Every structure is written in structure tokens, then in C-alpha cells.
């Protein structure tokens, strides 16, 4: 008897109270004889199920016994469905799993769990953009991580030809629609962008994560290192306080409030280069004041380029003047 059929049988009996072998066979897509053997095997194994012969009979749990196969509390069930529910709209496997989990919950938890699953949707497309599709390689790499199987990648670094390598799969990360693959190599941990992976094949060779490895911690280290590189240059800028929230939202973690100065706020901006800061604030025009001379020089150059390109042509004067 397959374990998944055992669990499915218990869930159906819990949800319906009583079920016939024919109904069970239809639900599990097996023969009536197989369904009957499964029910008998459950009883022989000590599960409190018993048959009721005659019209209206079937198989029931003794005394209406209930089993919470999930082990979740009501609050835990709601939290899980709030998180998993939105993903179910784009992943049929999650929708199927949630349906099964609902059946495993005690009756008093089900209504709240089902409501939580429908409480939120996730639209991955920004305004004016098409919906982002999940890269096909994600499933392959997730399988490698779960089954702990080495992967042969064909990867292309920027400006270089694609090359093959065998890596140990440690985790897959979705960073705002851009996917990354964290893996172990002979040179240590490496991060690969999925849009630069031309192919990934499971080798069949067993792999393993290092002792104590946690994907969340490893990714946090990657983010910290990248942001540090992106913050090599800093500059102070005076921003009208009434626009501070908009300015900070635009620049995210690269904008730090320093102090209030009258009706302005002094902030510190960071970026890889002074030119990058100049480009980031150029659109604010005269609303902001850049206090760092090097960035101000780049702004002056940008301004001169714009004036040269977009200044209206002077009208021709009267003839003979």
C-alpha cells in the first residue's frame, strides 16, 4: 500500500465522515478492489476505521475520530495560507497541495485557512509591463538542490564565451524578478545569474551542502557584498524636506538622512562612481543642491550636454542687420 494513498484515504474519510470503497476508488483513481484492500490494511494497522454493511453503509472512523495530520495551530495555518495562497494562482502544484492540506486541518480551522488563501494575489508585472515569467531553469535547479545532485552548467560571464562547469547546488533565489543560483565550486561559493546560464543538466552524482549552510544567511552575505561595491562613492545632497519621502523611495538603501537644515534635509547618497550619483539626481534639476564638488562637476557636464542638444535654435534676424 502506498503511503500517499494511506494519507489521502484518511483525509477523505475525515472530510466526508463516511466513504464507500467505490467512492474511494473513484477519488484515488484505483480499482474498487484496491480501495477495499487499502481500507482493510488501515484497519489491520490499527487505524480506527470500520465498515458498516448494508444500504447507506461504508467505511468510517470509529466514533467520528479526527486526526490533525498537519499539526498546525489555527494561527500557523492562517499564516501559511496567507503566504502560499498567492503563489497558488501561478503554480498548479501549490494549489493541489493547499487543497490536500485543507482536508488535513481540523474542521474549525478550515474556513479561516481557505479565506486566507484567497485574501491576497501577487501581480509580478509593473505598470506598463508584461507579467514576468519564471525561468524554465528554476525547476531543474530546484530539483538539483532538493535531491542533492551535482549540476553541469553552461555559463557565460559578461564579455566572455560560454563555458561548462560542474557545481554543487546550494539554493535558488528570486531577487525582484531576477533569479540567481548559489552553488559550490572548487573556488568556493559562487552566485550565477540564471539569465546567463545557457544550460543545466543533472549529472546523477550525489552532492551535499556544507555543514551549517543556510541559504538565507548566504544570500544576505551576497547582497551585503554587492551593495558595498555599489556604495564605493558618497555625496551629500540638500533635498526640500517636503520631497524627502519621494527622494528616499527613489534611491532606497543608498540614501541616508544626515540632518535637517531649515526647510531642507541633508542626505548622503552612495553609488559606484560620482558620475552615477550625478546621473541619479540630474532629473531633480534645481530642486536639490549637491554639495560634493566632484559630483557637481559631472552635473555641470550633463547640464551642458543637454543645453547643447536641446536649446532651441535662435531665430534669424532681419536682413542687413
Protein backbone atom coordinates (compact mmCIF):
# COMPACT_ATOMS: atom_id res chain seq x y z
CA UNK A 1 0.00 0.00 0.00
CA UNK A 2 1.44 3.40 -0.99
CA UNK A 3 1.88 5.88 1.86
CA UNK A 4 0.37 8.73 -0.17
CA UNK A 5 -2.80 6.66 -0.73
CA UNK A 6 -2.99 5.98 3.01
CA UNK A 7 -2.85 9.69 3.79
CA UNK A 8 -5.30 10.54 1.01
CA UNK A 9 -7.71 7.90 2.31
CA UNK A 10 -7.60 9.31 5.83
CA UNK A 11 -8.13 12.85 4.55
CA UNK A 12 -11.16 11.80 2.51
CA UNK A 13 -12.65 9.95 5.48
CA UNK A 14 -12.14 13.00 7.68
CA UNK A 15 -13.76 15.35 5.19
CA UNK A 16 -16.73 13.10 4.38
CA UNK A 17 -17.25 11.22 7.62
CA UNK A 18 -18.12 8.04 5.71
CA UNK A 19 -16.99 6.72 2.34
CA UNK A 20 -17.58 3.61 0.29
CA UNK A 21 -14.87 1.61 -1.43
CA UNK A 22 -16.34 2.63 -4.79
CA UNK A 23 -16.21 6.36 -3.89
CA UNK A 24 -12.66 5.99 -2.62
CA UNK A 25 -11.65 4.17 -5.81
CA UNK A 26 -13.09 6.99 -7.93
CA UNK A 27 -11.30 9.69 -5.96
CA UNK A 28 -7.93 7.92 -5.93
CA UNK A 29 -8.27 6.56 -9.46
CA UNK A 30 -7.73 2.94 -8.44
CA UNK A 31 -9.90 -0.16 -8.68
CA UNK A 32 -12.61 -0.86 -6.09
CA UNK A 33 -10.69 -3.96 -5.05
CA UNK A 34 -7.55 -1.90 -4.42
CA UNK A 35 -9.53 0.69 -2.43
CA UNK A 36 -11.09 -2.07 -0.31
CA UNK A 37 -7.67 -3.64 0.36
CA UNK A 38 -6.33 -0.23 1.39
CA UNK A 39 -9.18 0.27 3.87
CA UNK A 40 -8.67 -3.19 5.28
CA UNK A 41 -4.93 -2.57 5.56
CA UNK A 42 -5.61 0.63 7.52
CA UNK A 43 -7.80 -1.27 9.94
CA UNK A 44 -5.23 -4.03 10.32
CA UNK A 45 -2.54 -1.45 11.01
CA UNK A 46 -4.52 -0.12 13.98
CA UNK A 47 -6.14 2.93 12.38
CA UNK A 48 -9.64 3.23 13.91
CA UNK A 49 -11.67 2.60 10.74
CA UNK A 50 -14.55 0.15 10.46
CA UNK A 51 -17.05 -0.95 7.79
CA UNK A 52 -20.83 -0.57 8.01
CA UNK A 53 -22.66 -3.05 5.78
CA UNK A 54 -25.99 -2.57 4.04
CA UNK A 55 -27.71 0.37 2.33
CA UNK A 56 -26.10 3.68 3.30
CA UNK A 57 -23.09 1.84 4.66
CA UNK A 58 -19.44 2.41 4.02
CA UNK A 59 -16.25 2.94 5.97
CA UNK A 60 -15.96 5.40 8.87
CA UNK A 61 -13.53 6.46 11.57
CA UNK A 62 -14.51 4.93 14.92
CA UNK A 63 -16.52 7.42 16.98
CA UNK A 64 -16.01 10.07 14.31
CA UNK A 65 -12.36 10.24 15.30
CA UNK A 66 -10.41 13.11 13.78
CA UNK A 67 -6.69 13.28 13.10
CA UNK A 68 -4.90 16.58 12.52
CA UNK A 69 -2.24 15.31 10.14
CA UNK A 70 -0.81 18.80 9.69
CA UNK A 71 -0.02 19.53 13.35
CA UNK A 72 -0.66 23.23 12.68
CA UNK A 73 -2.34 25.62 15.09
CA UNK A 74 -5.08 27.91 13.77
CA UNK A 75 -2.70 30.90 13.64
CA UNK A 76 0.00 28.85 11.90
CA UNK A 77 -2.48 27.58 9.33
CA UNK A 78 -3.67 31.12 8.53
CA UNK A 79 -0.09 32.39 8.23
CA UNK A 80 0.84 29.52 5.91
CA UNK A 81 -2.16 30.05 3.63
CA UNK A 82 -1.60 33.82 3.51
CA UNK A 83 1.90 33.15 2.17
CA UNK A 84 1.18 30.17 -0.06
CA UNK A 85 -2.21 31.29 -1.35
CA UNK A 86 -0.93 33.97 -3.78
CA UNK A 87 1.57 31.53 -5.28
CA UNK A 88 -1.19 29.03 -5.96
CA UNK A 89 -2.56 31.27 -8.71
CA UNK A 90 0.55 30.64 -10.82
CA UNK A 91 1.62 27.18 -9.61
CA UNK A 92 -0.87 24.31 -10.02
CA UNK A 93 1.20 22.09 -7.72
CA UNK A 94 0.78 24.57 -4.85
CA UNK A 95 -2.96 24.79 -5.46
CA UNK A 96 -3.21 21.00 -5.29
CA UNK A 97 -1.10 20.87 -2.12
CA UNK A 98 -3.26 23.51 -0.43
CA UNK A 99 -6.41 21.56 -1.23
CA UNK A 100 -4.92 18.48 0.41
CA UNK A 101 -3.71 20.45 3.40
CA UNK A 102 -7.16 21.97 3.93
CA UNK A 103 -8.55 18.46 4.26
CA UNK A 104 -5.90 17.63 6.86
CA UNK A 105 -6.86 20.60 9.06
CA UNK A 106 -9.41 20.32 11.86
CA UNK A 107 -12.87 21.46 10.73
CA UNK A 108 -12.71 24.60 12.89
CA UNK A 109 -9.54 25.78 11.10
CA UNK A 110 -10.69 25.24 7.52
CA UNK A 111 -12.84 28.31 6.91
CA UNK A 112 -10.13 30.72 8.08
CA UNK A 113 -7.44 28.86 6.14
CA UNK A 114 -9.44 28.89 2.92
CA UNK A 115 -10.24 32.59 3.36
CA UNK A 116 -6.55 33.34 3.95
CA UNK A 117 -5.61 31.53 0.74
CA UNK A 118 -7.93 33.85 -1.22
CA UNK A 119 -7.04 37.05 0.66
CA UNK A 120 -4.08 38.13 -1.50
CA UNK A 121 -2.88 37.89 -5.07
CA UNK A 122 0.55 38.72 -6.46
CA UNK A 123 0.86 40.57 -9.77
CA UNK A 124 4.52 40.37 -10.83
CA UNK A 125 4.17 42.91 -13.65
CA UNK A 126 4.94 46.57 -13.05
CA UNK A 127 2.59 49.11 -14.58
CA UNK A 128 3.04 49.08 -18.34
CA UNK A 129 4.97 45.79 -18.28
CA UNK A 130 4.07 42.23 -19.20
CA UNK A 131 3.87 39.58 -16.49
CA UNK A 132 7.30 38.20 -15.67
CA UNK A 133 7.68 34.55 -16.49
CA UNK A 134 9.65 32.31 -14.17
CA UNK A 135 12.76 30.99 -15.97
CA UNK A 136 12.40 27.37 -17.04
CA UNK A 137 15.75 26.54 -15.43
CA UNK A 138 14.35 27.24 -11.96
CA UNK A 139 12.61 23.86 -11.73
CA UNK A 140 15.73 21.98 -12.85
CA UNK A 141 17.95 23.76 -10.34
CA UNK A 142 15.41 23.40 -7.51
CA UNK A 143 15.30 19.67 -8.21
CA UNK A 144 19.09 19.52 -8.02
CA UNK A 145 19.05 21.34 -4.66
CA UNK A 146 16.32 19.16 -3.15
CA UNK A 147 17.71 15.87 -4.43
CA UNK A 148 21.32 16.97 -3.78
CA UNK A 149 22.65 16.15 -7.25
CA UNK A 150 25.60 17.90 -8.91
CA UNK A 151 24.77 20.08 -11.92
CA UNK A 152 26.69 20.67 -15.12
CA UNK A 153 26.23 24.34 -16.03
CA UNK A 154 26.96 26.12 -19.28
CA UNK A 155 27.53 29.67 -18.06
CA UNK A 156 28.56 32.86 -19.81
CA UNK A 157 30.27 35.63 -17.90
CA UNK A 158 29.87 39.13 -19.22
CA UNK A 159 32.13 39.67 -22.21
CA UNK A 160 33.34 36.05 -22.28
CA UNK A 161 32.47 32.89 -24.19
CA UNK A 162 30.18 30.29 -22.51
CA UNK A 163 31.99 27.57 -20.59
CA UNK A 164 30.93 24.39 -18.81
CA UNK A 165 31.49 23.54 -15.18
CA UNK A 166 30.15 21.07 -12.61
CA UNK A 167 28.86 22.63 -9.38
CA UNK A 168 27.20 21.65 -6.12
CA UNK A 169 23.67 23.14 -5.95
CA UNK A 170 23.00 25.02 -2.73
CA UNK A 171 19.98 27.22 -3.44
CA UNK A 172 17.91 29.34 -5.85
CA UNK A 173 16.97 32.98 -5.16
CA UNK A 174 14.40 35.30 -6.76
CA UNK A 175 15.59 38.89 -6.32
CA UNK A 176 12.80 41.18 -7.56
CA UNK A 177 12.22 39.10 -10.69
CA UNK A 178 15.91 38.37 -11.34
CA UNK A 179 16.87 34.80 -10.46
CA UNK A 180 20.19 33.64 -9.03
CA UNK A 181 21.71 30.23 -8.37
CA UNK A 182 24.05 29.78 -5.40
CA UNK A 183 26.42 26.85 -5.79
CA UNK A 184 29.65 25.39 -4.52
CA UNK A 185 32.66 25.27 -6.85
CA UNK A 186 36.33 24.30 -6.43
CA UNK A 187 36.91 28.03 -5.78
CA UNK A 188 34.23 28.22 -3.08
CA UNK A 189 30.71 29.61 -3.08
CA UNK A 190 29.66 31.32 -6.30
CA UNK A 191 26.49 33.11 -7.45
CA UNK A 192 25.23 32.63 -11.02
CA UNK A 193 22.56 34.72 -12.75
CA UNK A 194 20.03 32.44 -14.41
CA UNK A 195 19.76 34.68 -17.48
CA UNK A 196 23.44 33.89 -18.17
CA UNK A 197 23.04 30.13 -17.77
CA UNK A 198 22.70 28.58 -21.23
CA UNK A 199 22.06 25.07 -19.94
CA UNK A 200 21.85 22.99 -16.75
CA UNK A 201 21.95 19.18 -16.62
CA UNK A 202 21.71 16.97 -13.54
CA UNK A 203 24.74 14.70 -13.53
CA UNK A 204 23.43 11.97 -11.25
CA UNK A 205 26.45 12.41 -8.97
CA UNK A 206 25.47 12.99 -5.31
CA UNK A 207 26.15 16.40 -3.80
CA UNK A 208 25.80 17.93 -0.35
CA UNK A 209 25.64 21.31 1.28
CA UNK A 210 28.42 22.32 3.69
CA UNK A 211 27.65 21.67 7.38
CA UNK A 212 25.70 24.56 8.86
CA UNK A 213 24.93 26.15 5.49
CA UNK A 214 21.80 28.33 5.47
CA UNK A 215 20.60 29.80 2.19
CA UNK A 216 19.15 32.94 3.82
CA UNK A 217 22.45 33.74 5.50
CA UNK A 218 24.46 33.02 2.35
CA UNK A 219 22.23 35.28 0.26
CA UNK A 220 22.44 38.06 2.85
CA UNK A 221 26.23 37.95 2.51
CA UNK A 222 25.90 38.20 -1.29
CA UNK A 223 23.58 41.20 -1.02
CA UNK A 224 25.86 42.91 1.50
CA UNK A 225 28.90 42.45 -0.75
CA UNK A 226 27.08 43.75 -3.83
CA UNK A 227 25.68 46.77 -2.03
CA UNK A 228 29.13 47.53 -0.63
CA UNK A 229 30.53 47.63 -4.17
CA UNK A 230 27.62 49.80 -5.25
CA UNK A 231 28.36 52.25 -2.42
CA UNK A 232 32.02 52.99 -3.16
CA UNK A 233 31.32 56.75 -3.59
CA UNK A 234 29.25 59.04 -1.39
CA UNK A 235 27.98 62.60 -1.70
CA UNK A 236 25.79 64.87 0.40
CA UNK A 237 22.70 66.47 -1.10
CA UNK A 238 20.24 69.05 0.23
CA UNK A 239 16.66 67.99 -0.52
CA UNK A 240 13.50 70.01 0.23
CA UNK A 241 12.00 68.21 3.22
CA UNK A 242 8.57 68.13 1.58
CA UNK A 243 10.05 65.91 -1.14
CA UNK A 244 12.20 63.78 1.17
CA UNK A 245 9.95 60.71 1.15
CA UNK A 246 9.87 60.65 -2.66
CA UNK A 247 13.64 61.15 -2.87
CA UNK A 248 14.35 58.37 -0.37
CA UNK A 249 11.95 56.00 -2.11
CA UNK A 250 13.73 56.63 -5.41
CA UNK A 251 17.18 55.87 -4.02
CA UNK A 252 16.33 53.16 -1.47
CA UNK A 253 19.08 51.96 0.83
CA UNK A 254 21.58 54.21 -0.96
CA UNK A 255 20.03 57.28 0.67
CA UNK A 256 20.69 58.04 4.35
CA UNK A 257 19.29 61.04 6.22
CA UNK A 258 22.02 63.10 7.89
CA UNK A 259 20.28 66.15 9.40
CA UNK A 260 17.61 68.79 8.94
CA UNK A 261 18.70 72.18 7.65
CA UNK A 262 15.84 74.65 7.79
CA UNK A 263 13.19 73.53 5.32
CA UNK A 264 15.68 71.14 3.69
CA UNK A 265 17.17 67.81 4.75
CA UNK A 266 20.77 66.84 4.16
CA UNK A 267 21.11 63.25 2.93
CA UNK A 268 24.04 61.08 1.91
CA UNK A 269 23.82 59.25 -1.39
CA UNK A 270 26.05 56.33 -2.35
CA UNK A 271 26.82 54.78 -5.74
CA UNK A 272 29.73 53.07 -7.52
CA UNK A 273 31.04 56.34 -9.04
CA UNK A 274 30.48 60.11 -8.73
CA UNK A 275 29.06 60.09 -12.27
CA UNK A 276 26.40 57.61 -11.18
CA UNK A 277 25.27 59.91 -8.38
CA UNK A 278 25.15 62.83 -10.81
CA UNK A 279 23.01 60.85 -13.23
CA UNK A 280 20.68 59.77 -10.42
CA UNK A 281 19.96 63.32 -9.23
CA UNK A 282 20.09 65.16 -12.57
CA UNK A 283 16.36 64.74 -13.07
CA UNK A 284 15.68 66.75 -9.91
CA UNK A 285 17.13 69.84 -11.57
CA UNK A 286 17.32 72.87 -9.29
CA UNK A 287 15.16 71.32 -6.57
CA UNK A 288 18.21 69.75 -4.92
CA UNK A 289 21.69 71.05 -4.12
CA UNK A 290 24.66 68.72 -4.48
CA UNK A 291 27.40 69.65 -2.00
CA UNK A 292 30.13 67.32 -3.27
CA UNK A 293 32.38 69.16 -5.82
CA UNK A 294 33.21 66.08 -7.92
CA UNK A 295 29.55 65.16 -8.37
CA UNK A 296 28.70 68.83 -9.05
CA UNK A 297 31.26 68.85 -11.89
CA UNK A 298 29.59 65.87 -13.50
CA UNK A 299 26.21 67.56 -13.14
CA UNK A 300 27.58 70.67 -14.89
CA UNK A 301 28.81 68.49 -17.74
CA UNK A 302 25.44 66.74 -18.02
CA UNK A 303 23.68 70.11 -18.00
CA UNK A 304 25.95 71.49 -20.73
CA UNK A 305 25.33 68.42 -22.89
CA UNK A 306 21.56 68.81 -22.51
CA UNK A 307 21.66 72.53 -23.31
CA UNK A 308 23.82 71.91 -26.37
CA UNK A 309 21.45 69.27 -27.70
CA UNK A 310 18.06 70.72 -26.82
CA UNK A 311 18.48 74.55 -26.85
CA UNK A 312 16.04 75.98 -29.44
CA UNK A 313 17.72 77.44 -32.50
CA UNK A 314 17.90 81.27 -32.44
CA UNK A 315 15.53 82.88 -34.97
CA UNK A 316 17.29 84.56 -37.88
CA UNK A 317 17.48 88.37 -37.58
CA UNK A 318 16.19 90.88 -40.22
CA UNK A 319 18.20 91.04 -43.43
CA UNK A 320 21.02 93.61 -43.44
CA UNK A 321 21.32 93.86 -39.68
